[in-house]
Amino acid sequence: MKPFLISVVVALLLVAGGFWYASRNPDALPEDLRNRMEVGQDTSPPARGPLDYHILADQGGVPRSEAERAGLSSGNWAYMAALKPLEDLEQTGIEQLQSARVNGKLYDLGFRFNSTQAESQVLEYNIGGEWDTLTFGFGFSDDEASDPSGRFAIEFSVQGDGTELYGPVSLTPNDMPVFREVDVKGVRRVTFISKRVGKPNMFTPLLLDPFVKKEGTSASE
């Protein structure tokens, strides 16, 4: 029994000595082990740029946690969710989304135009003429009520400095969402407009993952 106890004590001393040495000489350890030993070390994969997984039409939107880790905005791209609108959302009645499922895909970064507000709602940003393209989606969540008659459509359009960049396009919850990329070179103000057709129109359309980028931006930037 005594030799066994001596062996256990020696093993514990060796382990303690190993931790002591590692704490004093972390560079001598393999990188993955070194990261695990450092208190508070973030061992998750490095943040990817948004274009690594931002393909609106067939993959859904960027997970908020991923986009936040990627910075939400840089010199090459910027999500509208990271920018300050010209009018506070509380004043417009537009809600920034936490998540929404559209056509079976999940989107995290977007805006809901609420039916409790006026016939038309406007979301506007000053992008300073610094960007080349604007990408966005528009549609309805999968749990929105149906409208087979099509009498209560939503007309959606996008303007740049007062000039139509896209639309207006008329959609009901029965229609497929639309996804577009438009040229915004030299544009200072981008305006998203949602207008209700027919009364009472209780639908709440969604603006999905709007972001701007510069030409030549790759997935690694």
Protein backbone atom coordinates (compact mmCIF):
# COMPACT_ATOMS: atom_id res chain seq x y z
CA MET A 1 0.00 0.00 0.00
CA LYS A 2 2.82 2.36 0.91
CA PRO A 3 4.53 2.19 -2.55
CA PHE A 4 1.14 2.98 -4.16
CA LEU A 5 0.66 6.09 -2.03
CA ILE A 6 4.18 7.21 -2.80
CA SER A 7 3.46 6.80 -6.54
CA VAL A 8 0.26 8.86 -6.26
CA VAL A 9 2.06 11.64 -4.39
CA VAL A 10 4.87 11.69 -6.94
CA ALA A 11 2.34 11.85 -9.82
CA LEU A 12 0.50 14.75 -8.19
CA LEU A 13 3.75 16.59 -7.65
CA LEU A 14 4.70 16.07 -11.29
CA VAL A 15 1.31 17.41 -12.46
CA ALA A 16 1.56 20.42 -10.16
CA GLY A 17 5.09 21.03 -11.38
CA GLY A 18 3.90 20.82 -14.97
CA PHE A 19 1.19 23.44 -14.38
CA TRP A 20 3.66 25.68 -12.57
CA TYR A 21 6.13 25.44 -15.46
CA ALA A 22 3.37 26.04 -18.03
CA SER A 23 2.18 29.13 -16.19
CA ARG A 24 5.70 30.53 -16.20
CA ASN A 25 6.55 29.46 -19.77
CA PRO A 26 3.33 29.56 -21.86
CA ASP A 27 5.20 29.97 -25.15
CA ALA A 28 6.65 26.50 -24.74
CA LEU A 29 3.19 24.91 -25.02
CA PRO A 30 1.23 24.03 -28.18
CA GLU A 31 -1.04 26.93 -29.20
CA ASP A 32 -4.35 25.13 -28.61
CA LEU A 33 -3.29 24.01 -25.12
CA ARG A 34 -1.93 27.47 -24.34
CA ASN A 35 -5.26 29.07 -25.31
CA ARG A 36 -7.25 26.71 -23.12
CA MET A 37 -5.06 27.44 -20.10
CA GLU A 38 -5.29 31.21 -20.37
CA VAL A 39 -8.13 32.51 -18.23
CA GLY A 40 -10.80 34.26 -20.31
CA GLN A 41 -9.12 33.32 -23.60
CA ASP A 42 -11.58 33.33 -26.54
CA THR A 43 -10.87 30.04 -28.29
CA SER A 44 -13.71 30.38 -30.81
CA PRO A 45 -12.82 30.66 -34.51
CA PRO A 46 -11.86 34.11 -35.77
CA ALA A 47 -14.72 36.25 -37.02
CA ARG A 48 -15.40 35.94 -40.72
CA GLY A 49 -16.25 38.77 -43.02
CA PRO A 50 -19.99 39.00 -43.75
CA LEU A 51 -19.66 37.95 -47.37
CA ASP A 52 -18.45 34.53 -46.23
CA TYR A 53 -22.03 33.66 -45.33
CA HIS A 54 -24.19 36.55 -46.44
CA ILE A 55 -26.12 35.17 -49.42
CA LEU A 56 -29.60 36.55 -48.92
CA ALA A 57 -31.54 34.63 -51.53
CA ASP A 58 -30.68 31.08 -50.52
CA GLN A 59 -28.94 31.00 -47.14
CA GLY A 60 -30.79 33.41 -44.93
CA GLY A 61 -29.24 36.36 -43.18
CA VAL A 62 -26.12 36.78 -41.12
CA PRO A 63 -26.39 35.54 -37.52
CA ARG A 64 -26.24 38.62 -35.29
CA SER A 65 -23.47 37.16 -33.12
CA GLU A 66 -21.32 36.52 -36.19
CA ALA A 67 -21.95 39.95 -37.64
CA GLU A 68 -21.17 41.65 -34.34
CA ARG A 69 -17.92 39.71 -34.01
CA ALA A 70 -17.08 40.72 -37.58
CA GLY A 71 -17.66 44.34 -36.58
CA LEU A 72 -20.97 45.08 -38.35
CA SER A 73 -19.17 47.78 -40.32
CA SER A 74 -15.73 48.45 -41.77
CA GLY A 75 -14.18 50.56 -44.49
CA ASN A 76 -15.43 48.03 -47.05
CA TRP A 77 -18.96 47.26 -45.90
CA ALA A 78 -21.53 48.36 -43.31
CA TYR A 79 -24.83 46.94 -42.13
CA MET A 80 -27.69 49.38 -41.74
CA ALA A 81 -28.24 47.75 -38.35
CA ALA A 82 -24.94 49.31 -37.28
CA LEU A 83 -25.71 52.77 -38.67
CA LYS A 84 -27.89 55.48 -37.15
CA PRO A 85 -31.00 56.30 -39.18
CA LEU A 86 -31.83 59.96 -39.83
CA GLU A 87 -34.98 59.53 -37.73
CA ASP A 88 -35.05 57.38 -34.60
CA LEU A 89 -36.86 54.08 -35.02
CA GLU A 90 -39.13 54.93 -32.10
CA GLN A 91 -40.40 57.92 -34.06
CA THR A 92 -41.00 55.95 -37.26
CA GLY A 93 -42.60 52.92 -35.59
CA ILE A 94 -40.14 50.67 -37.42
CA GLU A 95 -38.72 47.84 -35.35
CA GLN A 96 -35.20 46.44 -35.68
CA LEU A 97 -35.47 42.65 -35.88
CA GLN A 98 -33.89 40.18 -33.54
CA SER A 99 -34.76 37.37 -35.95
CA ALA A 100 -37.38 36.42 -38.53
CA ARG A 101 -37.97 33.37 -40.68
CA VAL A 102 -38.78 34.14 -44.31
CA ASN A 103 -39.42 31.41 -46.88
CA GLY A 104 -37.92 28.90 -44.47
CA LYS A 105 -34.67 30.85 -43.95
CA LEU A 106 -33.63 32.71 -40.81
CA TYR A 107 -32.64 36.40 -40.96
CA ASP A 108 -31.17 38.28 -38.01
CA LEU A 109 -30.39 41.78 -39.23
CA GLY A 110 -33.44 43.57 -40.53
CA PHE A 111 -36.40 45.82 -39.89
CA ARG A 112 -40.15 45.35 -39.50
CA PHE A 113 -42.54 48.04 -40.79
CA ASN A 114 -45.36 47.87 -38.25
CA SER A 115 -49.00 48.11 -39.25
CA THR A 116 -49.93 50.32 -36.28
CA GLN A 117 -48.31 53.33 -37.94
CA ALA A 118 -49.29 55.51 -40.89
CA GLU A 119 -50.07 54.29 -44.41
CA SER A 120 -46.44 54.81 -45.45
CA GLN A 121 -43.33 54.30 -43.37
CA VAL A 122 -39.85 55.50 -44.23
CA LEU A 123 -36.41 54.36 -43.08
CA GLU A 124 -33.64 56.71 -44.21
CA TYR A 125 -29.85 56.76 -43.87
CA ASN A 126 -27.11 59.19 -44.85
CA ILE A 127 -24.40 56.99 -46.38
CA GLY A 128 -22.30 59.97 -47.44
CA GLY A 129 -21.72 58.99 -51.08
CA GLU A 130 -19.00 56.58 -49.91
CA TRP A 131 -20.44 53.27 -51.09
CA ASP A 132 -20.89 51.46 -54.41
CA THR A 133 -23.69 48.93 -53.94
CA LEU A 134 -26.64 48.35 -51.62
CA THR A 135 -27.92 44.82 -50.97
CA PHE A 136 -31.25 44.03 -49.32
CA GLY A 137 -34.21 41.68 -49.20
CA PHE A 138 -37.92 42.41 -48.83
CA GLY A 139 -40.76 40.09 -47.89
CA PHE A 140 -42.94 38.71 -45.10
CA SER A 141 -42.26 36.37 -42.22
CA ASP A 142 -43.52 32.82 -42.55
CA ASP A 143 -46.05 33.35 -39.75
CA GLU A 144 -47.70 36.37 -41.45
CA ALA A 145 -51.40 35.85 -42.22
CA SER A 146 -52.34 34.97 -45.80
CA ASP A 147 -54.06 37.27 -48.31
CA PRO A 148 -55.23 35.19 -51.30
CA SER A 149 -57.22 38.14 -52.66
CA GLY A 150 -54.14 40.35 -53.00
CA ARG A 151 -56.23 43.39 -52.04
CA PHE A 152 -53.92 44.39 -49.19
CA ALA A 153 -50.51 44.50 -50.79
CA ILE A 154 -47.38 46.35 -49.67
CA GLU A 155 -45.58 48.58 -52.15
CA PHE A 156 -41.88 48.67 -51.41
CA SER A 157 -39.34 51.00 -53.00
CA VAL A 158 -35.82 52.31 -52.45
CA GLN A 159 -34.70 55.83 -53.33
CA GLY A 160 -31.29 57.42 -53.55
CA ASP A 161 -31.27 61.20 -53.07
CA GLY A 162 -34.95 61.23 -54.09
CA THR A 163 -34.49 59.14 -57.25
CA GLU A 164 -35.94 55.63 -57.55
CA LEU A 165 -33.24 52.97 -57.22
CA TYR A 166 -35.67 50.07 -56.99
CA GLY A 167 -39.41 49.55 -57.28
CA PRO A 168 -42.01 50.17 -56.33
CA VAL A 169 -42.74 46.44 -56.21
CA SER A 170 -46.08 45.16 -54.88
CA LEU A 171 -46.04 42.09 -52.63
CA THR A 172 -48.44 40.20 -50.38
CA PRO A 173 -47.57 37.47 -47.86
CA ASN A 174 -48.47 34.95 -50.57
CA ASP A 175 -45.59 36.14 -52.77
CA MET A 176 -41.96 35.07 -52.66
CA PRO A 177 -39.52 37.54 -51.08
CA VAL A 178 -37.33 39.63 -53.37
CA PHE A 179 -33.57 40.16 -53.07
CA ARG A 180 -31.69 42.87 -54.91
CA GLU A 181 -28.36 44.65 -55.24
CA VAL A 182 -28.51 48.21 -56.57
CA ASP A 183 -25.91 50.82 -57.55
CA VAL A 184 -25.50 53.62 -54.98
CA LYS A 185 -22.35 55.28 -56.30
CA GLY A 186 -22.39 58.94 -55.27
CA VAL A 187 -25.64 58.53 -53.32
CA ARG A 188 -25.79 60.38 -50.01
CA ARG A 189 -29.25 59.47 -48.73
CA VAL A 190 -30.82 56.03 -49.08
CA THR A 191 -34.54 55.84 -48.32
CA PHE A 192 -36.53 52.62 -47.84
CA ILE A 193 -40.28 53.17 -48.26
CA SER A 194 -43.07 50.75 -47.34
CA LYS A 195 -46.58 51.77 -48.41
CA ARG A 196 -49.78 49.91 -47.59
CA VAL A 197 -52.40 49.36 -50.29
CA GLY A 198 -56.03 48.91 -49.24
CA LYS A 199 -57.59 49.40 -45.82
CA PRO A 200 -57.50 47.97 -43.26
CA ASN A 201 -54.05 46.61 -44.08
CA MET A 202 -52.51 44.90 -41.06
CA PHE A 203 -49.50 43.32 -42.74
CA THR A 204 -45.99 43.90 -41.34
CA PRO A 205 -43.42 43.65 -44.16
CA LEU A 206 -39.75 43.05 -43.49
CA LEU A 207 -36.60 44.70 -44.83
CA LEU A 208 -33.95 41.97 -44.65
CA ASP A 209 -30.23 42.43 -43.97
CA PRO A 210 -29.67 45.75 -45.81
CA PHE A 211 -25.98 46.55 -46.15
CA VAL A 212 -23.69 48.65 -48.32
CA LYS A 213 -20.29 47.74 -49.69
CA LYS A 214 -17.55 49.00 -51.95
CA GLU A 215 -16.61 47.47 -55.27
CA GLY A 216 -14.03 44.73 -55.11
CA THR A 217 -14.95 43.74 -51.56
CA SER A 218 -14.17 40.05 -51.14
CA ALA A 219 -15.28 37.52 -48.55
CA SER A 220 -12.03 37.95 -46.62
CA GLU A 221 -12.34 41.72 -46.22
